[in-house]
C-alpha atoms as a PDB file:
ATOM      1  CA  MET A   1      68.303 -92.250-229.335  1.00  0.00           C
ATOM      2  CA  LYS A   2      67.103 -88.994-230.862  1.00  0.00           C
ATOM      3  CA  LYS A   3      64.437 -89.472-233.503  1.00  0.00           C
ATOM      4  CA  LYS A   4      65.276 -88.285-237.002  1.00  0.00           C
ATOM      5  CA  HIS A   5      62.362 -87.439-239.263  1.00  0.00           C
ATOM      6  CA  ILE A   6      62.142 -87.337-243.049  1.00  0.00           C
ATOM      7  CA  SER A   7      61.870 -83.542-242.929  1.00  0.00           C
ATOM      8  CA  GLU A   8      65.302 -83.423-241.297  1.00  0.00           C
ATOM      9  CA  CYS A   9      66.797 -85.896-243.767  1.00  0.00           C
ATOM     10  CA  TRP A  10      65.553 -83.663-246.571  1.00  0.00           C
ATOM     11  CA  ASN A  11      66.588 -80.377-244.920  1.00  0.00           C
ATOM     12  CA  SER A  12      62.969 -79.298-244.737  1.00  0.00           C
ATOM     13  CA  VAL A  13      60.806 -78.118-241.823  1.00  0.00           C
ATOM     14  CA  LYS A  14      58.772 -80.078-239.329  1.00  0.00           C
ATOM     15  CA  GLY A  15      55.000 -79.799-239.161  1.00  0.00           C
ATOM     16  CA  HIS A  16      52.373 -81.664-241.146  1.00  0.00           C
ATOM     17  CA  LYS A  17      50.824 -78.420-242.373  1.00  0.00           C
ATOM     18  CA  HIS A  18      53.912 -78.184-244.603  1.00  0.00           C
ATOM     19  CA  HIS A  19      53.778 -81.710-246.031  1.00  0.00           C
ATOM     20  CA  GLU A  20      51.483 -84.076-247.950  1.00  0.00           C
ATOM     21  CA  PHE A  21      53.053 -87.104-246.277  1.00  0.00           C
ATOM     22  CA  ILE A  22      53.552 -88.448-242.771  1.00  0.00           C
ATOM     23  CA  ASP A  23      56.861 -87.095-241.488  1.00  0.00           C
ATOM     24  CA  VAL A  24      57.943 -90.421-240.015  1.00  0.00           C
ATOM     25  CA  ALA A  25      60.879 -90.948-237.742  1.00  0.00           C
ATOM     26  CA  THR A  26      63.267 -92.962-239.889  1.00  0.00           C
ATOM     27  CA  ASN A  27      65.121 -94.523-236.959  1.00  0.00           C
ATOM     28  CA  SER A  28      62.213 -95.379-234.674  1.00  0.00           C
ATOM     29  CA  ASP A  29      58.791 -96.986-234.582  1.00  0.00           C
ATOM     30  CA  ASN A  30      55.845 -94.874-235.724  1.00  0.00           C
ATOM     31  CA  LEU A  31      52.651 -96.201-234.148  1.00  0.00           C
ATOM     32  CA  LEU A  32      50.482 -95.255-237.099  1.00  0.00           C
ATOM     33  CA  PHE A  33      48.540 -97.349-239.582  1.00  0.00           C
ATOM     34  CA  ILE A  34      47.082 -97.122-243.073  1.00  0.00           C
ATOM     35  CA  ASP A  35      43.303 -96.994-242.719  1.00  0.00           C
ATOM     36  CA  PRO A  36      41.120 -98.414-245.536  1.00  0.00           C
ATOM     37  CA  ILE A  37      38.103 -96.285-244.579  1.00  0.00           C
ATOM     38  CA  LEU A  38      40.088 -93.061-244.881  1.00  0.00           C
ATOM     39  CA  ILE A  39      41.187 -94.180-248.346  1.00  0.00           C
ATOM     40  CA  GLN A  40      37.569 -94.961-249.233  1.00  0.00           C
ATOM     41  CA  ASN A  41      36.393 -91.556-247.985  1.00  0.00           C
ATOM     42  CA  ASN A  42      39.006 -89.517-249.858  1.00  0.00           C
ATOM     43  CA  SER A  43      38.218 -87.967-253.244  1.00  0.00           C
ATOM     44  CA  ASP A  44      41.758 -87.456-254.596  1.00  0.00           C
ATOM     45  CA  GLU A  45      42.908 -89.551-257.550  1.00  0.00           C
ATOM     46  CA  TRP A  46      45.607 -91.400-255.603  1.00  0.00           C
ATOM     47  CA  SER A  47      43.071 -92.608-253.038  1.00  0.00           C
ATOM     48  CA  LYS A  48      40.516 -93.544-255.690  1.00  0.00           C
ATOM     49  CA  LYS A  49      43.058 -95.766-257.439  1.00  0.00           C
ATOM     50  CA  ALA A  50      44.246 -97.204-254.132  1.00  0.00           C
ATOM     51  CA  ASN A  51      40.681 -98.050-253.122  1.00  0.00           C
ATOM     52  CA  VAL A  52      40.110 -99.938-256.388  1.00  0.00           C
ATOM     53  CA  LEU A  53      43.328-101.922-255.867  1.00  0.00           C
ATOM     54  CA  ILE A  54      42.409-102.804-252.290  1.00  0.00           C
ATOM     55  CA  GLN A  55      38.939-104.001-253.262  1.00  0.00           C
ATOM     56  CA  SER A  56      40.409-105.978-256.159  1.00  0.00           C
ATOM     57  CA  PHE A  57      42.643-107.870-253.747  1.00  0.00           C
ATOM     58  CA  PHE A  58      39.881-108.588-251.256  1.00  0.00           C
ATOM     59  CA  ASP A  59      37.479-109.675-253.993  1.00  0.00           C
ATOM     60  CA  ALA A  60      40.063-112.294-254.986  1.00  0.00           C
ATOM     61  CA  PHE A  61      40.865-113.126-251.363  1.00  0.00           C
ATOM     62  CA  TYR A  62      37.301-113.785-250.239  1.00  0.00           C
ATOM     63  CA  GLU A  63      36.499-115.642-253.460  1.00  0.00           C
ATOM     64  CA  ALA A  64      39.384-118.018-252.744  1.00  0.00           C
ATOM     65  CA  TYR A  65      37.854-118.742-249.327  1.00  0.00           C
ATOM     66  CA  ARG A  66      34.380-119.232-250.819  1.00  0.00           C
ATOM     67  CA  GLN A  67      35.847-121.713-253.279  1.00  0.00           C
ATOM     68  CA  ALA A  68      37.941-123.346-250.529  1.00  0.00           C
ATOM     69  CA  ASP A  69      40.869-123.011-252.919  1.00  0.00           C
ATOM     70  CA  ASN A  70      43.863-123.610-250.663  1.00  0.00           C
ATOM     71  CA  ILE A  71      46.423-123.105-253.418  1.00  0.00           C
ATOM     72  CA  ARG A  72      44.935-119.748-254.368  1.00  0.00           C
ATOM     73  CA  LYS A  73      44.669-118.689-250.714  1.00  0.00           C
ATOM     74  CA  LYS A  74      48.351-119.395-250.126  1.00  0.00           C
ATOM     75  CA  GLU A  75      49.261-117.631-253.358  1.00  0.00           C
ATOM     76  CA  LEU A  76      47.317-114.514-252.337  1.00  0.00           C
ATOM     77  CA  LEU A  77      48.912-114.451-248.898  1.00  0.00           C
ATOM     78  CA  SER A  78      52.443-115.086-250.160  1.00  0.00           C
ATOM     79  CA  HIS A  79      53.244-111.359-250.290  1.00  0.00           C
ATOM     80  CA  ALA A  80      50.775-109.994-247.730  1.00  0.00           C
ATOM     81  CA  GLY A  81      52.817-110.305-244.540  1.00  0.00           C
ATOM     82  CA  GLU A  82      54.923-107.974-242.446  1.00  0.00           C
ATOM     83  CA  GLN A  83      56.011-104.788-244.245  1.00  0.00           C
ATOM     84  CA  ASN A  84      58.513-102.357-242.729  1.00  0.00           C
ATOM     85  CA  GLY A  85      58.879 -99.940-245.640  1.00  0.00           C
ATOM     86  CA  THR A  86      56.581 -97.324-244.130  1.00  0.00           C
ATOM     87  CA  ARG A  87      58.218 -97.552-240.677  1.00  0.00           C
ATOM     88  CA  PHE A  88      54.663 -97.887-239.358  1.00  0.00           C
ATOM     89  CA  GLY A  89      53.500-100.326-236.717  1.00  0.00           C
ATOM     90  CA  TYR A  90      55.148-101.938-233.741  1.00  0.00           C
ATOM     91  CA  GLY A  91      58.479-102.535-235.442  1.00  0.00           C
ATOM     92  CA  ARG A  92      59.131-105.933-233.905  1.00  0.00           C
ATOM     93  CA  GLY A  93      61.006-107.118-236.956  1.00  0.00           C
ATOM     94  CA  ASP A  94      59.300-110.466-236.516  1.00  0.00           C
ATOM     95  CA  ASN A  95      55.545-110.387-236.800  1.00  0.00           C
ATOM     96  CA  GLY A  96      55.189-114.014-235.738  1.00  0.00           C
ATOM     97  CA  LYS A  97      52.607-115.880-237.790  1.00  0.00           C
ATOM     98  CA  GLY A  98      51.901-112.727-239.795  1.00  0.00           C
ATOM     99  CA  ASN A  99      55.314-113.004-241.380  1.00  0.00           C
ATOM    100  CA  THR A 100      54.528-116.013-243.617  1.00  0.00           C
ATOM    101  CA  ALA A 101      51.727-117.186-245.888  1.00  0.00           C
ATOM    102  CA  GLN A 102      51.258-120.295-243.745  1.00  0.00           C
ATOM    103  CA  GLY A 103      51.103-118.176-240.612  1.00  0.00           C
ATOM    104  CA  LEU A 104      48.461-115.924-242.143  1.00  0.00           C
ATOM    105  CA  LEU A 105      46.444-118.968-243.192  1.00  0.00           C
ATOM    106  CA  GLU A 106      46.405-120.036-239.543  1.00  0.00           C
ATOM    107  CA  ILE A 107      45.363-116.554-238.393  1.00  0.00           C
ATOM    108  CA  PHE A 108      42.529-116.481-240.930  1.00  0.00           C
ATOM    109  CA  ALA A 109      41.320-120.021-240.150  1.00  0.00           C
ATOM    110  CA  PRO A 110      38.018-118.748-238.625  1.00  0.00           C
ATOM    111  CA  LEU A 111      37.203-117.227-242.012  1.00  0.00           C
ATOM    112  CA  GLU A 112      36.836-120.718-243.475  1.00  0.00           C
ATOM    113  CA  GLU A 113      33.595-121.065-241.488  1.00  0.00           C
ATOM    114  CA  HIS A 114      32.451-117.424-241.465  1.00  0.00           C
ATOM    115  CA  ILE A 115      32.619-117.074-245.245  1.00  0.00           C
ATOM    116  CA  PHE A 116      29.819-119.640-245.729  1.00  0.00           C
ATOM    117  CA  LYS A 117      27.587-118.268-242.970  1.00  0.00           C
ATOM    118  CA  ILE A 118      28.027-114.536-243.643  1.00  0.00           C
ATOM    119  CA  SER A 119      27.426-113.725-247.302  1.00  0.00           C
ATOM    120  CA  THR A 120      28.158-110.003-246.834  1.00  0.00           C
ATOM    121  CA  ILE A 121      31.866-110.408-246.048  1.00  0.00           C
ATOM    122  CA  GLU A 122      33.627-108.356-248.717  1.00  0.00           C
ATOM    123  CA  LYS A 123      35.717-105.525-247.266  1.00  0.00           C
ATOM    124  CA  ALA A 124      39.260-105.184-245.934  1.00  0.00           C
ATOM    125  CA  GLU A 125      37.962-103.982-242.575  1.00  0.00           C
ATOM    126  CA  ASP A 126      35.902-107.166-242.129  1.00  0.00           C
ATOM    127  CA  LEU A 127      39.080-109.007-241.142  1.00  0.00           C
ATOM    128  CA  SER A 128      39.555-106.778-238.101  1.00  0.00           C
ATOM    129  CA  ILE A 129      35.981-107.473-237.029  1.00  0.00           C
ATOM    130  CA  LEU A 130      35.716-111.196-237.741  1.00  0.00           C
ATOM    131  CA  ILE A 131      39.250-112.423-236.992  1.00  0.00           C
ATOM    132  CA  PRO A 132      40.330-112.388-233.324  1.00  0.00           C
ATOM    133  CA  ASN A 133      43.398-110.241-232.573  1.00  0.00           C
ATOM    134  CA  PHE A 134      43.874-109.160-236.187  1.00  0.00           C
ATOM    135  CA  ALA A 135      43.779-105.384-236.143  1.00  0.00           C
ATOM    136  CA  GLU A 136      45.831-102.341-237.138  1.00  0.00           C
ATOM    137  CA  ASP A 137      49.302-103.839-237.422  1.00  0.00           C
ATOM    138  CA  GLY A 138      48.357-106.835-239.545  1.00  0.00           C
ATOM    139  CA  LEU A 139      45.850-105.088-241.805  1.00  0.00           C
ATOM    140  CA  SER A 140      48.076-102.055-242.371  1.00  0.00           C
ATOM    141  CA  ASP A 141      50.881-104.382-243.473  1.00  0.00           C
ATOM    142  CA  MET A 142      48.531-106.100-245.927  1.00  0.00           C
ATOM    143  CA  LEU A 143      47.455-102.749-247.360  1.00  0.00           C
ATOM    144  CA  THR A 144      51.064-101.594-247.670  1.00  0.00           C
ATOM    145  CA  ASN A 145      51.900-104.680-249.722  1.00  0.00           C
ATOM    146  CA  ILE A 146      48.844-104.260-251.932  1.00  0.00           C
ATOM    147  CA  LEU A 147      49.688-100.581-252.511  1.00  0.00           C
ATOM    148  CA  HIS A 148      53.471-100.991-252.649  1.00  0.00           C
ATOM    149  CA  ASP A 149      53.843 -99.636-256.175  1.00  0.00           C
ATOM    150  CA  GLU A 150      51.409 -96.780-255.518  1.00  0.00           C
ATOM    151  CA  LEU A 151      53.310 -95.812-252.374  1.00  0.00           C
ATOM    152  CA  ASN A 152      56.586 -96.018-254.276  1.00  0.00           C
ATOM    153  CA  GLN A 153      55.215 -93.647-256.919  1.00  0.00           C
ATOM    154  CA  PHE A 154      53.938 -91.271-254.234  1.00  0.00           C
ATOM    155  CA  THR A 155      57.393 -91.337-252.621  1.00  0.00           C
ATOM    156  CA  SER A 156      59.075 -90.613-255.964  1.00  0.00           C
ATOM    157  CA  TYR A 157      56.731 -87.669-256.526  1.00  0.00           C
ATOM    158  CA  GLN A 158      57.599 -86.216-253.124  1.00  0.00           C
ATOM    159  CA  MET A 159      61.311 -86.752-253.751  1.00  0.00           C
ATOM    160  CA  ALA A 160      61.109 -84.797-257.001  1.00  0.00           C
ATOM    161  CA  LYS A 161      59.161 -82.056-255.248  1.00  0.00           C
ATOM    162  CA  TYR A 162      61.885 -81.686-252.603  1.00  0.00           C
ATOM    163  CA  GLY A 163      64.796 -82.097-255.012  1.00  0.00           C
ATOM    164  CA  ILE A 164      65.842 -85.509-253.714  1.00  0.00           C
ATOM    165  CA  GLU A 165      67.356 -87.947-256.215  1.00  0.00           C
ATOM    166  CA  SER A 166      66.980 -91.697-255.984  1.00  0.00           C
ATOM    167  CA  GLU A 167      70.224 -93.606-255.668  1.00  0.00           C
ATOM    168  CA  ASP A 168      68.622 -97.017-255.416  1.00  0.00           C
ATOM    169  CA  LEU A 169      66.831 -99.379-257.794  1.00  0.00           C
ATOM    170  CA  LEU A 170      64.792-101.961-255.925  1.00  0.00           C
ATOM    171  CA  LYS A 171      62.713-105.007-256.804  1.00  0.00           C
ATOM    172  CA  PHE A 172      59.515-105.591-254.856  1.00  0.00           C
ATOM    173  CA  TRP A 173      56.147-107.329-255.067  1.00  0.00           C
ATOM    174  CA  THR A 174      52.937-105.391-255.533  1.00  0.00           C
ATOM    175  CA  TRP A 175      49.303-106.123-256.378  1.00  0.00           C
ATOM    176  CA  ASP A 176      48.175-106.074-260.006  1.00  0.00           C
ATOM    177  CA  GLY A 177      44.488-105.204-259.725  1.00  0.00           C
ATOM    178  CA  GLU A 178      43.651-105.816-263.369  1.00  0.00           C
ATOM    179  CA  ASN A 179      45.015-109.364-263.448  1.00  0.00           C
ATOM    180  CA  LYS A 180      44.357-110.037-259.750  1.00  0.00           C
ATOM    181  CA  MET A 181      47.813-111.346-258.995  1.00  0.00           C
ATOM    182  CA  TRP A 182      51.054-110.350-257.319  1.00  0.00           C
ATOM    183  CA  ILE A 183      53.747-109.100-259.682  1.00  0.00           C
ATOM    184  CA  GLU A 184      57.391-108.268-259.104  1.00  0.00           C
ATOM    185  CA  VAL A 185      58.503-104.864-260.372  1.00  0.00           C
ATOM    186  CA  GLU A 186      61.738-102.897-260.339  1.00  0.00           C
ATOM    187  CA  ARG A 187      61.591 -99.196-259.540  1.00  0.00           C
ATOM    188  CA  PRO A 188      63.773 -96.278-258.439  1.00  0.00           C
ATOM    189  CA  ALA A 189      63.252 -96.045-254.682  1.00  0.00           C
ATOM    190  CA  TYR A 190      64.212 -94.130-251.576  1.00  0.00           C
ATOM    191  CA  ALA A 191      66.318 -96.033-249.086  1.00  0.00           C
ATOM    192  CA  ILE A 192      68.082 -95.324-245.820  1.00  0.00           C
ATOM    193  CA  GLU A 193      71.057 -97.553-245.033  1.00  0.00           C
ATOM    194  CA  GLY A 194      69.940 -99.884-247.804  1.00  0.00           C
ATOM    195  CA  LYS A 195      66.398-100.279-246.464  1.00  0.00           C
ATOM    196  CA  GLU A 196      63.493 -99.007-248.552  1.00  0.00           C
ATOM    197  CA  LEU A 197      61.417 -96.203-247.075  1.00  0.00           C
ATOM    198  CA  LEU A 198      57.907 -95.588-248.378  1.00  0.00           C
ATOM    199  CA  LEU A 199      56.254 -92.245-247.719  1.00  0.00           C
ATOM    200  CA  VAL A 200      52.540 -92.406-246.948  1.00  0.00           C
ATOM    201  CA  PRO A 201      49.915 -89.737-247.761  1.00  0.00           C
ATOM    202  CA  LYS A 202      48.941 -88.044-244.514  1.00  0.00           C
ATOM    203  CA  ASN A 203      45.217 -88.298-245.279  1.00  0.00           C
ATOM    204  CA  ILE A 204      45.082 -92.117-245.098  1.00  0.00           C
ATOM    205  CA  VAL A 205      46.594 -92.623-241.649  1.00  0.00           C
ATOM    206  CA  ARG A 206      45.284 -93.064-238.110  1.00  0.00           C
ATOM    207  CA  LYS A 207      46.765 -94.107-234.786  1.00  0.00           C
ATOM    208  CA  ASN A 208      43.870 -96.502-234.174  1.00  0.00           C
ATOM    209  CA  TYR A 209      41.124 -97.803-236.424  1.00  0.00           C
ATOM    210  CA  LEU A 210      37.642 -96.638-235.512  1.00  0.00           C
ATOM    211  CA  PHE A 211      36.098 -99.872-236.764  1.00  0.00           C
ATOM    212  CA  SER A 212      36.134-102.729-234.284  1.00  0.00           C
ATOM    213  CA  VAL A 213      33.977-105.464-232.831  1.00  0.00           C
ATOM    214  CA  HIS A 214      33.022-103.037-230.055  1.00  0.00           C
ATOM    215  CA  GLN A 215      31.879-100.296-232.429  1.00  0.00           C
ATOM    216  CA  TYR A 216      30.013-102.780-234.612  1.00  0.00           C
ATOM    217  CA  PHE A 217      28.234-104.217-231.564  1.00  0.00           C
ATOM    218  CA  THR A 218      27.330-100.894-229.927  1.00  0.00           C
ATOM    219  CA  ARG A 219      26.416 -98.874-233.013  1.00  0.00           C
ATOM    220  CA  ILE A 220      24.816-101.502-235.234  1.00  0.00           C
ATOM    221  CA  ILE A 221      23.800-104.644-233.379  1.00  0.00           C
ATOM    222  CA  ILE A 222      22.349-103.014-230.248  1.00  0.00           C
ATOM    223  CA  ASP A 223      20.356-100.556-232.379  1.00  0.00           C
ATOM    224  CA  ARG A 224      19.017-103.367-234.565  1.00  0.00           C
ATOM    225  CA  GLU A 225      17.970-105.455-231.570  1.00  0.00           C
ATOM    226  CA  ARG A 226      16.264-102.440-229.990  1.00  0.00           C
ATOM    227  CA  LYS A 227      14.091-102.143-233.082  1.00  0.00           C
ATOM    228  CA  ASP A 228      13.016-105.730-232.428  1.00  0.00           C
ATOM    229  CA  GLY A 229      12.204-104.933-228.799  1.00  0.00           C
ATOM    230  CA  GLY A 230      15.495-105.992-227.238  1.00  0.00           C
ATOM    231  CA  TYR A 231      17.638-104.093-224.718  1.00  0.00           C
ATOM    232  CA  MET A 232      14.592-102.188-223.443  1.00  0.00           C
ATOM    233  CA  PHE A 233      13.222-101.671-219.908  1.00  0.00           C
ATOM    234  CA  ASP A 234       9.774-100.214-219.213  1.00  0.00           C
ATOM    235  CA  GLY A 235       9.576 -99.092-222.819  1.00  0.00           C
ATOM    236  CA  LYS A 236      12.849 -97.186-222.639  1.00  0.00           C
ATOM    237  CA  PRO A 237      16.204 -98.182-224.171  1.00  0.00           C
ATOM    238  CA  ILE A 238      18.783 -99.437-221.690  1.00  0.00           C
ATOM    239  CA  PRO A 239      21.921 -97.235-221.957  1.00  0.00           C
ATOM    240  CA  LYS A 240      24.569 -98.903-224.100  1.00  0.00           C
ATOM    241  CA  ARG A 241      27.240 -98.546-221.432  1.00  0.00           C
ATOM    242  CA  GLU A 242      24.996-100.467-219.022  1.00  0.00           C
ATOM    243  CA  ILE A 243      24.449-103.221-221.578  1.00  0.00           C
ATOM    244  CA  VAL A 244      28.191-103.593-222.133  1.00  0.00           C
ATOM    245  CA  LYS A 245      28.958-103.436-218.400  1.00  0.00           C
ATOM    246  CA  LYS A 246      26.494-106.212-217.629  1.00  0.00           C
ATOM    247  CA  LYS A 247      27.552-108.450-220.514  1.00  0.00           C
ATOM    248  CA  ARG A 248      31.229-108.272-219.549  1.00  0.00           C
ATOM    249  CA  ARG A 249      30.401-110.650-216.730  1.00  0.00           C
ATOM    250  CA  SER A 250      29.444-113.384-219.191  1.00  0.00           C
ATOM    251  CA  GLY A 251      32.989-114.046-220.379  1.00  0.00           C
ATOM    252  CA  LYS A 252      36.139-112.573-221.862  1.00  0.00           C
ATOM    253  CA  HIS A 253      35.100-112.934-225.508  1.00  0.00           C
ATOM    254  CA  TRP A 254      31.372-112.219-225.147  1.00  0.00           C
ATOM    255  CA  GLU A 255      31.397-109.257-227.545  1.00  0.00           C
ATOM    256  CA  TYR A 256      33.075-111.183-230.341  1.00  0.00           C
ATOM    257  CA  ASP A 257      30.860-114.242-229.794  1.00  0.00           C
ATOM    258  CA  GLU A 258      27.619-112.215-229.819  1.00  0.00           C
ATOM    259  CA  THR A 259      28.730-110.223-232.846  1.00  0.00           C
ATOM    260  CA  ILE A 260      29.499-113.350-234.859  1.00  0.00           C
ATOM    261  CA  LEU A 261      26.239-115.046-233.856  1.00  0.00           C
ATOM    262  CA  HIS A 262      24.108-112.004-234.700  1.00  0.00           C
ATOM    263  CA  THR A 263      25.842-111.513-238.055  1.00  0.00           C
ATOM    264  CA  GLN A 264      25.467-115.181-238.989  1.00  0.00           C
ATOM    265  CA  ASN A 265      21.742-114.920-238.258  1.00  0.00           C
ATOM    266  CA  GLN A 266      21.351-111.531-239.941  1.00  0.00           C
ATOM    267  CA  ASN A 267      23.930-111.128-242.694  1.00  0.00           C
ATOM    268  CA  ASP A 268      22.629-107.695-243.609  1.00  0.00           C
ATOM    269  CA  ALA A 269      23.927-106.307-240.288  1.00  0.00           C
ATOM    270  CA  LEU A 270      27.457-106.341-241.699  1.00  0.00           C
ATOM    271  CA  GLY A 271      26.194-104.723-244.895  1.00  0.00           C
ATOM    272  CA  GLU A 272      24.631-101.970-242.787  1.00  0.00           C
ATOM    273  CA  TYR A 273      27.959-101.472-241.023  1.00  0.00           C
ATOM    274  CA  HIS A 274      29.701-101.136-244.389  1.00  0.00           C
ATOM    275  CA  GLU A 275      27.280 -98.355-245.313  1.00  0.00           C
ATOM    276  CA  LYS A 276      27.479 -96.457-242.028  1.00  0.00           C
ATOM    277  CA  LEU A 277      31.186 -96.830-241.261  1.00  0.00           C
ATOM    278  CA  PRO A 278      32.351 -94.068-243.644  1.00  0.00           C
ATOM    279  CA  LEU A 279      29.851 -91.731-241.964  1.00  0.00           C
ATOM    280  CA  PHE A 280      31.205 -92.584-238.498  1.00  0.00           C
ATOM    281  CA  TYR A 281      34.629 -91.446-239.717  1.00  0.00           C
ATOM    282  CA  LYS A 282      33.223 -88.076-240.749  1.00  0.00           C
ATOM    283  CA  GLU A 283      31.873 -87.290-237.297  1.00  0.00           C
ATOM    284  CA  LYS A 284      33.606 -84.203-235.926  1.00  0.00           C
ATOM    285  CA  ARG A 285      35.306 -85.954-233.033  1.00  0.00           C
ATOM    286  CA  ASN A 286      36.935 -88.428-235.422  1.00  0.00           C
ATOM    287  CA  ILE A 287      38.512 -85.971-237.877  1.00  0.00           C
ATOM    288  CA  VAL A 288      42.325 -86.112-238.070  1.00  0.00           C
ATOM    289  CA  ASP A 289      43.984 -82.731-238.724  1.00  0.00           C
ATOM    290  CA  ASP A 290      47.613 -81.580-239.017  1.00  0.00           C
ATOM    291  CA  ASN A 291      47.830 -80.775-235.305  1.00  0.00           C
ATOM    292  CA  THR A 292      46.677 -84.284-234.442  1.00  0.00           C
ATOM    293  CA  LEU A 293      49.285 -85.761-236.768  1.00  0.00           C
ATOM    294  CA  ASP A 294      51.967 -83.571-235.180  1.00  0.00           C
ATOM    295  CA  ARG A 295      51.054 -84.880-231.731  1.00  0.00           C
ATOM    296  CA  TRP A 296      51.107 -88.472-232.946  1.00  0.00           C
ATOM    297  CA  VAL A 297      54.427 -88.186-234.781  1.00  0.00           C
ATOM    298  CA  TYR A 298      56.438 -85.608-232.794  1.00  0.00           C
ATOM    299  CA  GLY A 299      54.650 -85.639-229.461  1.00  0.00           C
ATOM    300  CA  TYR A 300      53.807 -81.941-229.764  1.00  0.00           C
ATOM    301  CA  ILE A 301      52.159 -79.446-232.142  1.00  0.00           C
ATOM    302  CA  VAL A 302      54.487 -77.540-234.457  1.00  0.00           C
ATOM    303  CA  ARG A 303      53.545 -73.850-234.399  1.00  0.00           C
END
């Protein structure tokens, strides 16, 4: 099946240098994800508002776990599951446990212990570090739900810019940051074959998150332990790749286990990661430009 992109639906041109949004294929999976660190790093007004909304949700979310408030936890997760409006992710149509509040509660079960042993848990990205197998697909869906109304407004703005009129009025749930609750709203929307399509600003998207247990371990924990005299030989630091290579022999989940143990013993390690993570994203090799987006979306660079 030939992919059909938004630019074609709107009789525009391909190439992300021409657009403020990701030119998604409307009839195929787009293996891209909304990245909370990119939102945090951006200085535009849309991103600033989005960042406040995201933090509002996770403040409420982690507080519910600290209070062991099961009713509140289920309420907060009731509209945080699989989201196909952006056409991002793996497009399975059935995200397993991530499709229901109860399923998400099961996924986040380790948090019930971590929250009392790691006082610095506070960010969206912490879930991808502290919860096994919860990464881009699940977190991007959560962020899409939180930002549903903001993404709808961004889509409407782009439609007006390209002379596209909305023929649909849709009801959907979105996060109310001021009252810290989900609310149902009704808005003009863009839909294809009756299914809502949400455009996403191109400056908040990556193919893979940079933050991970591996990055946290190699760029924070190893460095901290070296300062205390660890991972040294004859007064010289052991290369990180050698440390990782050797530790792989100790078990499949060694990196996760060591990361959790270190963070429980030294809560400020996660706080340090929060501070340094935005800087890691600004390193030259990690910058996402229009050519990179073209390769991710079309498979080639539009000249």
